[in-house]
C-alpha atoms as a PDB file:
ATOM      1  CA  MET A   1      -0.017  -0.086  -0.056  1.00  0.00           C
ATOM      2  CA  SER A   2       1.495   3.292  -1.071  1.00  0.00           C
ATOM      3  CA  TYR A   3       0.980   6.448   0.980  1.00  0.00           C
ATOM      4  CA  PRO A   4       1.144  10.121  -0.178  1.00  0.00           C
ATOM      5  CA  THR A   5       4.310  11.899  -0.088  1.00  0.00           C
ATOM      6  CA  TRP A   6       3.303  14.060   2.908  1.00  0.00           C
ATOM      7  CA  VAL A   7       2.476  10.978   4.868  1.00  0.00           C
ATOM      8  CA  ARG A   8       5.728   9.263   4.194  1.00  0.00           C
ATOM      9  CA  GLN A   9       7.668  12.450   5.396  1.00  0.00           C
ATOM     10  CA  HIS A  10       5.789  12.641   8.594  1.00  0.00           C
ATOM     11  CA  LEU A  11       6.354   8.965   9.371  1.00  0.00           C
ATOM     12  CA  ALA A  12      10.049   9.400   8.688  1.00  0.00           C
ATOM     13  CA  ALA A  13      10.178  12.405  10.984  1.00  0.00           C
ATOM     14  CA  LEU A  14       8.372  10.537  13.682  1.00  0.00           C
ATOM     15  CA  ARG A  15      10.816   7.571  13.461  1.00  0.00           C
ATOM     16  CA  ALA A  16      13.847   9.929  13.666  1.00  0.00           C
ATOM     17  CA  LEU A  17      12.330  11.585  16.679  1.00  0.00           C
ATOM     18  CA  LEU A  18      11.891   8.220  18.510  1.00  0.00           C
ATOM     19  CA  VAL A  19      15.255   7.051  17.643  1.00  0.00           C
ATOM     20  CA  LEU A  20      17.074  10.244  18.767  1.00  0.00           C
ATOM     21  CA  THR A  21      14.952  10.301  21.941  1.00  0.00           C
ATOM     22  CA  VAL A  22      16.122   6.884  22.925  1.00  0.00           C
ATOM     23  CA  VAL A  23      19.678   7.325  22.019  1.00  0.00           C
ATOM     24  CA  CYS A  24      20.268  10.891  23.261  1.00  0.00           C
ATOM     25  CA  GLY A  25      17.704  10.963  26.114  1.00  0.00           C
ATOM     26  CA  VAL A  26      18.063   7.525  27.640  1.00  0.00           C
ATOM     27  CA  ALA A  27      21.110   5.578  26.418  1.00  0.00           C
ATOM     28  CA  TYR A  28      23.524   8.348  26.569  1.00  0.00           C
ATOM     29  CA  PRO A  29      22.735   9.671  30.040  1.00  0.00           C
ATOM     30  CA  LEU A  30      22.775   6.232  31.451  1.00  0.00           C
ATOM     31  CA  ALA A  31      26.224   5.537  29.909  1.00  0.00           C
ATOM     32  CA  VAL A  32      27.645   8.698  31.316  1.00  0.00           C
ATOM     33  CA  PHE A  33      26.208   7.812  34.772  1.00  0.00           C
ATOM     34  CA  ALA A  34      27.674   4.274  34.616  1.00  0.00           C
ATOM     35  CA  VAL A  35      31.127   5.703  33.850  1.00  0.00           C
ATOM     36  CA  ALA A  36      30.948   8.143  36.564  1.00  0.00           C
ATOM     37  CA  GLN A  37      30.443   5.326  39.163  1.00  0.00           C
ATOM     38  CA  VAL A  38      33.805   3.837  38.341  1.00  0.00           C
ATOM     39  CA  PRO A  39      36.090   3.789  41.412  1.00  0.00           C
ATOM     40  CA  GLY A  40      38.240   6.926  41.289  1.00  0.00           C
ATOM     41  CA  LEU A  41      35.805   8.967  39.450  1.00  0.00           C
ATOM     42  CA  ARG A  42      32.799   8.678  41.724  1.00  0.00           C
ATOM     43  CA  SER A  43      33.917  11.242  44.220  1.00  0.00           C
ATOM     44  CA  ARG A  44      34.635  13.839  41.634  1.00  0.00           C
ATOM     45  CA  ALA A  45      31.324  13.060  39.826  1.00  0.00           C
ATOM     46  CA  ASP A  46      29.512  13.720  43.086  1.00  0.00           C
ATOM     47  CA  GLY A  47      30.974  17.270  43.428  1.00  0.00           C
ATOM     48  CA  SER A  48      34.126  16.578  45.404  1.00  0.00           C
ATOM     49  CA  THR A  49      32.292  16.853  48.668  1.00  0.00           C
ATOM     50  CA  VAL A  50      33.947  17.289  52.115  1.00  0.00           C
ATOM     51  CA  SER A  51      32.589  15.464  55.068  1.00  0.00           C
ATOM     52  CA  LEU A  52      33.102  15.985  58.720  1.00  0.00           C
ATOM     53  CA  HIS A  53      31.708  13.617  61.322  1.00  0.00           C
ATOM     54  CA  GLY A  54      29.698  11.892  58.784  1.00  0.00           C
ATOM     55  CA  ARG A  55      28.044  15.131  57.515  1.00  0.00           C
ATOM     56  CA  THR A  56      28.809  16.869  54.307  1.00  0.00           C
ATOM     57  CA  VAL A  57      30.121  20.333  54.987  1.00  0.00           C
ATOM     58  CA  GLY A  58      31.211  21.707  51.709  1.00  0.00           C
ATOM     59  CA  SER A  59      33.151  20.904  48.414  1.00  0.00           C
ATOM     60  CA  ALA A  60      36.756  21.007  47.635  1.00  0.00           C
ATOM     61  CA  LEU A  61      35.976  22.941  44.466  1.00  0.00           C
ATOM     62  CA  ILE A  62      33.726  25.808  45.918  1.00  0.00           C
ATOM     63  CA  GLY A  63      35.072  28.353  48.518  1.00  0.00           C
ATOM     64  CA  GLN A  64      33.534  29.360  51.673  1.00  0.00           C
ATOM     65  CA  SER A  65      33.600  32.210  53.976  1.00  0.00           C
ATOM     66  CA  PHE A  66      35.570  31.893  57.268  1.00  0.00           C
ATOM     67  CA  THR A  67      33.390  33.773  59.575  1.00  0.00           C
ATOM     68  CA  GLY A  68      32.033  33.388  63.034  1.00  0.00           C
ATOM     69  CA  LYS A  69      28.423  33.429  64.180  1.00  0.00           C
ATOM     70  CA  ASN A  70      28.254  37.183  64.067  1.00  0.00           C
ATOM     71  CA  GLY A  71      29.592  37.402  60.618  1.00  0.00           C
ATOM     72  CA  ALA A  72      33.014  38.634  61.553  1.00  0.00           C
ATOM     73  CA  PRO A  73      35.999  37.115  59.842  1.00  0.00           C
ATOM     74  CA  LEU A  74      38.063  34.642  61.758  1.00  0.00           C
ATOM     75  CA  ARG A  75      41.681  35.573  61.942  1.00  0.00           C
ATOM     76  CA  GLN A  76      43.051  32.006  62.347  1.00  0.00           C
ATOM     77  CA  TYR A  77      41.922  31.188  58.809  1.00  0.00           C
ATOM     78  CA  PHE A  78      43.051  32.492  55.531  1.00  0.00           C
ATOM     79  CA  GLN A  79      40.235  34.551  54.049  1.00  0.00           C
ATOM     80  CA  SER A  80      38.891  33.414  50.616  1.00  0.00           C
ATOM     81  CA  ARG A  81      38.478  35.710  47.738  1.00  0.00           C
ATOM     82  CA  PRO A  82      35.045  37.661  47.398  1.00  0.00           C
ATOM     83  CA  SER A  83      32.130  35.766  45.990  1.00  0.00           C
ATOM     84  CA  GLU A  84      29.091  37.104  44.185  1.00  0.00           C
ATOM     85  CA  ALA A  85      27.227  33.830  44.162  1.00  0.00           C
ATOM     86  CA  GLY A  86      24.042  34.445  46.066  1.00  0.00           C
ATOM     87  CA  ASN A  87      24.967  35.745  49.602  1.00  0.00           C
ATOM     88  CA  GLY A  88      28.452  34.374  49.013  1.00  0.00           C
ATOM     89  CA  TYR A  89      29.899  30.996  47.989  1.00  0.00           C
ATOM     90  CA  ASP A  90      26.470  29.707  47.114  1.00  0.00           C
ATOM     91  CA  PRO A  91      26.714  26.667  44.695  1.00  0.00           C
ATOM     92  CA  THR A  92      23.122  27.086  43.646  1.00  0.00           C
ATOM     93  CA  SER A  93      23.660  30.671  42.449  1.00  0.00           C
ATOM     94  CA  THR A  94      26.986  30.752  40.650  1.00  0.00           C
ATOM     95  CA  ALA A  95      26.567  34.180  38.924  1.00  0.00           C
ATOM     96  CA  ALA A  96      28.948  37.053  38.354  1.00  0.00           C
ATOM     97  CA  SER A  97      28.480  40.782  39.231  1.00  0.00           C
ATOM     98  CA  ASN A  98      29.102  41.866  35.547  1.00  0.00           C
ATOM     99  CA  LEU A  99      30.798  45.134  36.686  1.00  0.00           C
ATOM    100  CA  GLY A 100      33.512  46.523  34.430  1.00  0.00           C
ATOM    101  CA  PRO A 101      36.412  49.077  35.044  1.00  0.00           C
ATOM    102  CA  GLU A 102      34.119  51.923  34.276  1.00  0.00           C
ATOM    103  CA  ASP A 103      31.723  51.185  37.081  1.00  0.00           C
ATOM    104  CA  ILE A 104      32.957  53.967  39.571  1.00  0.00           C
ATOM    105  CA  VAL A 105      29.845  55.648  40.702  1.00  0.00           C
ATOM    106  CA  ASP A 106      27.459  54.064  43.505  1.00  0.00           C
ATOM    107  CA  THR A 107      23.742  54.125  43.205  1.00  0.00           C
ATOM    108  CA  LEU A 108      22.498  55.930  46.123  1.00  0.00           C
ATOM    109  CA  PRO A 109      19.032  55.091  47.599  1.00  0.00           C
ATOM    110  CA  GLY A 110      16.280  57.324  46.654  1.00  0.00           C
ATOM    111  CA  PRO A 111      14.325  59.612  49.193  1.00  0.00           C
ATOM    112  CA  LYS A 112      11.710  56.808  49.775  1.00  0.00           C
ATOM    113  CA  ALA A 113      14.177  54.026  49.901  1.00  0.00           C
ATOM    114  CA  ALA A 114      14.218  53.750  53.730  1.00  0.00           C
ATOM    115  CA  THR A 115      10.441  53.371  53.907  1.00  0.00           C
ATOM    116  CA  ALA A 116      10.284  50.978  51.052  1.00  0.00           C
ATOM    117  CA  GLY A 117      12.991  48.877  52.287  1.00  0.00           C
ATOM    118  CA  GLU A 118      15.187  49.473  49.243  1.00  0.00           C
ATOM    119  CA  SER A 119      19.012  50.030  49.248  1.00  0.00           C
ATOM    120  CA  GLY A 120      21.502  51.462  46.733  1.00  0.00           C
ATOM    121  CA  GLY A 121      24.149  49.602  44.857  1.00  0.00           C
ATOM    122  CA  GLN A 122      27.799  49.592  45.154  1.00  0.00           C
ATOM    123  CA  SER A 123      30.045  50.293  42.261  1.00  0.00           C
ATOM    124  CA  LEU A 124      33.160  48.053  41.427  1.00  0.00           C
ATOM    125  CA  LEU A 125      35.459  50.823  42.686  1.00  0.00           C
ATOM    126  CA  THR A 126      33.645  51.047  46.017  1.00  0.00           C
ATOM    127  CA  ARG A 127      33.606  47.249  46.535  1.00  0.00           C
ATOM    128  CA  VAL A 128      37.431  47.146  46.010  1.00  0.00           C
ATOM    129  CA  CYS A 129      37.859  49.939  48.372  1.00  0.00           C
ATOM    130  CA  SER A 130      35.760  48.564  51.062  1.00  0.00           C
ATOM    131  CA  ARG A 131      37.301  45.176  50.978  1.00  0.00           C
ATOM    132  CA  SER A 132      40.747  46.524  51.003  1.00  0.00           C
ATOM    133  CA  LYS A 133      39.848  48.587  54.035  1.00  0.00           C
ATOM    134  CA  ALA A 134      38.347  45.527  55.820  1.00  0.00           C
ATOM    135  CA  VAL A 135      41.478  43.492  55.188  1.00  0.00           C
ATOM    136  CA  GLY A 136      43.580  46.243  56.517  1.00  0.00           C
ATOM    137  CA  ASP A 137      41.597  46.581  59.621  1.00  0.00           C
ATOM    138  CA  LEU A 138      41.705  42.766  60.214  1.00  0.00           C
ATOM    139  CA  GLU A 139      45.474  42.428  59.709  1.00  0.00           C
ATOM    140  CA  GLY A 140      46.396  45.677  61.313  1.00  0.00           C
ATOM    141  CA  VAL A 141      47.877  47.237  58.264  1.00  0.00           C
ATOM    142  CA  SER A 142      47.010  50.115  56.061  1.00  0.00           C
ATOM    143  CA  GLY A 143      44.303  49.189  53.625  1.00  0.00           C
ATOM    144  CA  ALA A 144      44.589  52.436  51.542  1.00  0.00           C
ATOM    145  CA  ARG A 145      44.308  52.181  47.751  1.00  0.00           C
ATOM    146  CA  PRO A 146      44.670  54.753  44.848  1.00  0.00           C
ATOM    147  CA  PHE A 147      41.181  56.319  44.046  1.00  0.00           C
ATOM    148  CA  CYS A 148      39.772  55.277  47.383  1.00  0.00           C
ATOM    149  CA  THR A 149      38.554  57.561  50.305  1.00  0.00           C
ATOM    150  CA  PRO A 150      39.716  56.763  53.986  1.00  0.00           C
ATOM    151  CA  GLY A 151      36.181  55.542  54.694  1.00  0.00           C
ATOM    152  CA  GLY A 152      36.481  52.846  51.988  1.00  0.00           C
ATOM    153  CA  VAL A 153      34.432  54.178  49.034  1.00  0.00           C
ATOM    154  CA  GLY A 154      35.400  55.244  45.624  1.00  0.00           C
ATOM    155  CA  ALA A 155      36.925  58.822  45.483  1.00  0.00           C
ATOM    156  CA  VAL A 156      35.011  60.217  42.606  1.00  0.00           C
ATOM    157  CA  LEU A 157      34.156  63.988  42.150  1.00  0.00           C
ATOM    158  CA  ALA A 158      31.437  65.423  39.924  1.00  0.00           C
ATOM    159  CA  VAL A 159      32.735  68.840  38.711  1.00  0.00           C
ATOM    160  CA  PHE A 160      30.260  71.355  37.367  1.00  0.00           C
ATOM    161  CA  GLY A 161      31.277  74.191  35.054  1.00  0.00           C
ATOM    162  CA  ARG A 162      32.096  75.098  31.505  1.00  0.00           C
ATOM    163  CA  ARG A 163      34.357  72.610  29.854  1.00  0.00           C
ATOM    164  CA  ALA A 164      37.488  73.268  27.876  1.00  0.00           C
ATOM    165  CA  ALA A 165      38.471  71.909  24.509  1.00  0.00           C
ATOM    166  CA  ASP A 166      40.111  68.763  26.224  1.00  0.00           C
ATOM    167  CA  GLY A 167      36.970  67.990  28.132  1.00  0.00           C
ATOM    168  CA  THR A 168      38.183  69.273  31.623  1.00  0.00           C
ATOM    169  CA  VAL A 169      36.571  72.077  33.671  1.00  0.00           C
ATOM    170  CA  PRO A 170      39.288  74.622  34.461  1.00  0.00           C
ATOM    171  CA  HIS A 171      37.005  76.832  36.402  1.00  0.00           C
ATOM    172  CA  PRO A 172      34.412  74.814  38.343  1.00  0.00           C
ATOM    173  CA  THR A 173      31.346  76.286  39.805  1.00  0.00           C
ATOM    174  CA  GLY A 174      30.380  73.335  42.004  1.00  0.00           C
ATOM    175  CA  VAL A 175      31.930  70.010  43.045  1.00  0.00           C
ATOM    176  CA  VAL A 176      30.092  66.916  44.653  1.00  0.00           C
ATOM    177  CA  SER A 177      31.705  63.844  46.173  1.00  0.00           C
ATOM    178  CA  LEU A 178      29.458  61.213  44.337  1.00  0.00           C
ATOM    179  CA  ASN A 179      30.023  58.137  46.523  1.00  0.00           C
ATOM    180  CA  GLU A 180      29.656  59.943  49.885  1.00  0.00           C
ATOM    181  CA  GLU A 181      26.010  60.406  50.874  1.00  0.00           C
ATOM    182  CA  GLN A 182      24.889  63.135  53.044  1.00  0.00           C
ATOM    183  CA  GLY A 183      23.825  61.976  56.409  1.00  0.00           C
ATOM    184  CA  VAL A 184      26.022  58.971  56.240  1.00  0.00           C
ATOM    185  CA  VAL A 185      29.242  60.589  56.071  1.00  0.00           C
ATOM    186  CA  GLN A 186      30.129  63.631  58.135  1.00  0.00           C
ATOM    187  CA  ALA A 187      32.533  65.435  55.632  1.00  0.00           C
ATOM    188  CA  PRO A 188      33.841  64.771  52.194  1.00  0.00           C
ATOM    189  CA  PHE A 189      37.293  63.189  51.703  1.00  0.00           C
ATOM    190  CA  ILE A 190      38.620  66.440  50.301  1.00  0.00           C
ATOM    191  CA  ALA A 191      37.429  69.942  51.462  1.00  0.00           C
ATOM    192  CA  THR A 192      37.978  72.008  48.357  1.00  0.00           C
ATOM    193  CA  TYR A 193      38.859  71.489  44.665  1.00  0.00           C
ATOM    194  CA  LYS A 194      40.388  74.146  42.709  1.00  0.00           C
ATOM    195  CA  GLY A 195      39.260  76.574  45.333  1.00  0.00           C
ATOM    196  CA  VAL A 196      35.546  75.434  45.331  1.00  0.00           C
ATOM    197  CA  PRO A 197      34.147  73.684  48.441  1.00  0.00           C
ATOM    198  CA  VAL A 198      33.186  70.029  47.898  1.00  0.00           C
ATOM    199  CA  ARG A 199      29.718  68.930  49.170  1.00  0.00           C
ATOM    200  CA  LEU A 200      28.358  65.431  49.828  1.00  0.00           C
ATOM    201  CA  ALA A 201      26.046  63.756  47.362  1.00  0.00           C
ATOM    202  CA  ARG A 202      22.236  63.896  47.930  1.00  0.00           C
ATOM    203  CA  PRO A 203      19.923  60.900  46.932  1.00  0.00           C
ATOM    204  CA  GLY A 204      17.717  61.603  44.042  1.00  0.00           C
ATOM    205  CA  GLU A 205      19.889  64.294  42.395  1.00  0.00           C
ATOM    206  CA  ASP A 206      21.144  64.076  38.774  1.00  0.00           C
ATOM    207  CA  TYR A 207      24.901  64.534  38.325  1.00  0.00           C
ATOM    208  CA  SER A 208      25.041  63.263  34.634  1.00  0.00           C
ATOM    209  CA  ALA A 209      25.889  66.750  33.332  1.00  0.00           C
ATOM    210  CA  ALA A 210      29.053  66.939  35.495  1.00  0.00           C
ATOM    211  CA  TRP A 211      32.547  65.968  34.578  1.00  0.00           C
ATOM    212  CA  TRP A 212      33.492  62.942  36.634  1.00  0.00           C
ATOM    213  CA  SER A 213      37.130  62.940  37.975  1.00  0.00           C
ATOM    214  CA  PRO A 214      38.325  59.981  40.020  1.00  0.00           C
ATOM    215  CA  SER A 215      39.999  61.161  43.218  1.00  0.00           C
ATOM    216  CA  GLY A 216      39.991  64.827  41.980  1.00  0.00           C
ATOM    217  CA  ALA A 217      42.909  64.097  39.533  1.00  0.00           C
ATOM    218  CA  ALA A 218      43.129  65.672  36.180  1.00  0.00           C
ATOM    219  CA  LEU A 219      42.033  62.797  34.051  1.00  0.00           C
ATOM    220  CA  PRO A 220      40.026  62.724  30.972  1.00  0.00           C
ATOM    221  CA  PRO A 221      36.149  61.742  31.387  1.00  0.00           C
ATOM    222  CA  ILE A 222      36.030  57.938  32.056  1.00  0.00           C
ATOM    223  CA  LEU A 223      32.486  57.564  30.728  1.00  0.00           C
ATOM    224  CA  SER A 224      33.554  58.441  27.118  1.00  0.00           C
ATOM    225  CA  SER A 225      34.901  54.851  26.516  1.00  0.00           C
ATOM    226  CA  ARG A 226      34.245  54.513  22.840  1.00  0.00           C
ATOM    227  CA  PRO A 227      37.750  54.248  21.190  1.00  0.00           C
ATOM    228  CA  THR A 228      38.678  56.439  18.281  1.00  0.00           C
ATOM    229  CA  ARG A 229      39.960  54.527  15.210  1.00  0.00           C
ATOM    230  CA  SER A 230      43.317  55.436  14.023  1.00  0.00           C
ATOM    231  CA  PRO A 231      43.562  56.282  10.380  1.00  0.00           C
ATOM    232  CA  ARG A 232      44.440  53.522   8.011  1.00  0.00           C
ATOM    233  CA  ARG A 233      48.059  53.873   6.744  1.00  0.00           C
ATOM    234  CA  GLN A 234      48.504  53.843   3.001  1.00  0.00           C
ATOM    235  CA  ARG A 235      50.715  50.985   2.061  1.00  0.00           C
ATOM    236  CA  PRO A 236      53.023  51.635  -0.877  1.00  0.00           C
ATOM    237  CA  GLY A 237      52.158  49.193  -3.792  1.00  0.00           C
ATOM    238  CA  PRO A 238      54.403  47.297  -6.079  1.00  0.00           C
ATOM    239  CA  ALA A 239      56.971  49.399  -8.109  1.00  0.00           C
ATOM    240  CA  HIS A 240      55.475  48.770 -11.469  1.00  0.00           C
ATOM    241  CA  LEU A 241      51.986  50.023 -10.303  1.00  0.00           C
ATOM    242  CA  ALA A 242      53.503  53.129  -8.682  1.00  0.00           C
ATOM    243  CA  ARG A 243      55.143  53.881 -11.953  1.00  0.00           C
ATOM    244  CA  LEU A 244      51.954  53.518 -13.766  1.00  0.00           C
ATOM    245  CA  ARG A 245      50.104  55.788 -11.331  1.00  0.00           C
ATOM    246  CA  ARG A 246      52.572  58.813 -11.884  1.00  0.00           C
ATOM    247  CA  PRO A 247      51.141  61.665 -13.949  1.00  0.00           C
ATOM    248  CA  PRO A 248      52.241  61.653 -17.520  1.00  0.00           C
ATOM    249  CA  ASP A 249      53.273  65.434 -17.571  1.00  0.00           C
ATOM    250  CA  ARG A 250      56.319  64.683 -15.333  1.00  0.00           C
ATOM    251  CA  PRO A 251      59.549  65.073 -17.206  1.00  0.00           C
ATOM    252  CA  GLY A 252      61.136  61.746 -17.952  1.00  0.00           C
ATOM    253  CA  ARG A 253      58.111  59.902 -16.809  1.00  0.00           C
ATOM    254  CA  GLN A 254      55.287  58.313 -18.924  1.00  0.00           C
ATOM    255  CA  GLY A 255      51.703  57.537 -18.060  1.00  0.00           C
ATOM    256  CA  PRO A 256      50.135  54.265 -18.293  1.00  0.00           C
ATOM    257  CA  ARG A 257      51.538  51.867 -20.920  1.00  0.00           C
ATOM    258  CA  ARG A 258      49.668  51.402 -24.074  1.00  0.00           C
ATOM    259  CA  ARG A 259      50.060  49.292 -27.066  1.00  0.00           C
ATOM    260  CA  PRO A 260      52.211  50.946 -29.666  1.00  0.00           C
ATOM    261  CA  ARG A 261      50.742  51.843 -33.099  1.00  0.00           C
ATOM    262  CA  PRO A 262      52.169  50.342 -36.250  1.00  0.00           C
ATOM    263  CA  GLY A 263      55.177  52.244 -37.360  1.00  0.00           C
ATOM    264  CA  GLU A 264      55.697  53.970 -33.947  1.00  0.00           C
ATOM    265  CA  ALA A 265      58.835  53.838 -31.937  1.00  0.00           C
ATOM    266  CA  THR A 266      58.724  51.311 -29.156  1.00  0.00           C
ATOM    267  CA  GLY A 267      61.642  52.733 -27.252  1.00  0.00           C
ATOM    268  CA  ARG A 268      63.955  49.772 -28.000  1.00  0.00           C
ATOM    269  CA  GLY A 269      65.589  51.295 -31.051  1.00  0.00           C
ATOM    270  CA  ARG A 270      63.561  49.687 -33.790  1.00  0.00           C
ATOM    271  CA  HIS A 271      60.258  50.252 -35.620  1.00  0.00           C
ATOM    272  CA  ARG A 272      57.481  47.978 -36.268  1.00  0.00           C
ATOM    273  CA  ARG A 273      56.217  47.435 -39.735  1.00  0.00           C
ATOM    274  CA  PRO A 274      52.794  46.760 -40.658  1.00  0.00           C
ATOM    275  CA  ARG A 275      52.189  43.131 -41.591  1.00  0.00           C
ATOM    276  CA  PRO A 276      51.160  42.917 -45.452  1.00  0.00           C
ATOM    277  CA  ARG A 277      47.605  41.650 -46.149  1.00  0.00           C
ATOM    278  CA  LEU A 278      47.429  38.304 -47.858  1.00  0.00           C
ATOM    279  CA  HIS A 279      44.951  38.411 -50.790  1.00  0.00           C
ATOM    280  CA  GLY A 280      43.904  34.993 -51.984  1.00  0.00           C
ATOM    281  CA  ARG A 281      46.651  33.138 -50.252  1.00  0.00           C
ATOM    282  CA  ALA A 282      46.603  30.700 -47.337  1.00  0.00           C
ATOM    283  CA  ALA A 283      47.522  32.219 -44.075  1.00  0.00           C
ATOM    284  CA  GLY A 284      50.520  29.989 -43.655  1.00  0.00           C
ATOM    285  CA  GLN A 285      52.095  31.026 -46.999  1.00  0.00           C
ATOM    286  CA  ARG A 286      54.753  33.811 -46.964  1.00  0.00           C
ATOM    287  CA  PRO A 287      54.735  36.440 -49.676  1.00  0.00           C
ATOM    288  CA  GLU A 288      57.662  36.594 -51.900  1.00  0.00           C
ATOM    289  CA  GLY A 289      60.486  38.857 -50.615  1.00  0.00           C
ATOM    290  CA  GLU A 290      59.141  39.066 -47.076  1.00  0.00           C
ATOM    291  CA  HIS A 291      61.490  38.321 -44.292  1.00  0.00           C
ATOM    292  CA  ARG A 292      60.029  37.532 -40.922  1.00  0.00           C
ATOM    293  CA  PRO A 293      62.653  37.854 -38.284  1.00  0.00           C
ATOM    294  CA  GLY A 294      62.850  35.033 -35.869  1.00  0.00           C
ATOM    295  CA  PRO A 295      64.663  34.558 -32.520  1.00  0.00           C
ATOM    296  CA  GLU A 296      68.276  34.897 -32.445  1.00  0.00           C
ATOM    297  CA  VAL A 297      70.189  31.739 -31.994  1.00  0.00           C
ATOM    298  CA  PRO A 298      73.877  31.996 -30.843  1.00  0.00           C
ATOM    299  CA  GLY A 299      76.402  30.662 -33.246  1.00  0.00           C
ATOM    300  CA  PRO A 300      77.326  31.169 -36.930  1.00  0.00           C
ATOM    301  CA  ARG A 301      74.468  32.528 -39.073  1.00  0.00           C
ATOM    302  CA  LEU A 302      73.851  30.501 -42.291  1.00  0.00           C
ATOM    303  CA  THR A 303      73.222  32.603 -45.470  1.00  0.00           C
ATOM    304  CA  ARG A 304      72.148  31.323 -48.898  1.00  0.00           C
END
C-alpha cells in the first residue's frame, strides 16, 4: 500500500524523533552515569564533597567564608576571595556581578528607599575599596588604595562648570563627592577642589551633566569609553603600479603603458612594420620577398 508523499515524510520524521529520543535521552545519560560510578571517578562526579563527622560540610571545588556566628571574619583562617554567588559562596547561584572598570559611581538610595526597604548599589570601585579597608583593619595594616577614600568608598568627584576643549573643567562652579552620601558621612574626603568647596551627594539628584574625575585628579572623562579608530596607513604598492600611477606630465616619466601603433617607436631602437595583407593566399604562405625575423640563436649564421 502506497502512502502520499506528505504522509511518508511525517512517518520518517516520527521515526527519527523516536530513535534520537532513545539514543540521546536514555542511552547516553545512562552510559555517562555508569562511567561516573567507576572507582576513582565517583567522588569527582558527586561534586568533590568534604565530610566532617559523617556530615557533608562543603566541597573542595567551591570556596567558603571563614566567619564566626556574628559574621566577623576569623583571623586564624586564610580569608577566601570575594564571591558574588548568592549571599556568598552559594553553589546554587553561581553568577557574576558583571561590573567593569568604568563602574565607579555608586547608586545612592532614593528619598523613599528607607520606607520601601530598598538600598542602593555599590560600584566596582567602592567594592574594591571597602574590601581593601576591611582586610587592612583585620590584619592591622593600612588598607589604603589609589582612588579610594579613607572611609572605604570610591573617591570620585562630579565637577560642574564650563568645559574646555580637552573636556576638563578649568574653572568649576560646583563640586560633589558622588560616593559619599549626605547624612551617612560627616565630611567629604577632600575639602576643596580648585578653590571650590566640595559637598556630599544627595539621593535623587542628577549628576550626569558634570565631569566625573576619580580622586580629583586631572584625568579625561572615564565615561567616554568609545575608542577612536586610527586612520588606516596607506601602504606603498608594487613598483610597477606606482610607476603607472605617476602623472604623464612629469619630465622623464610616462603615463600608463599602451600598445604601440604600427610604425611607432617602441623605445627599443627599432620600428614595427605593418604586416602585409594576404589576398587569396593561405594564412600559412609567406609573400615573396618578405622576411620575418625569428629569435636570435647563438652561433654562426647561415646565409644562402
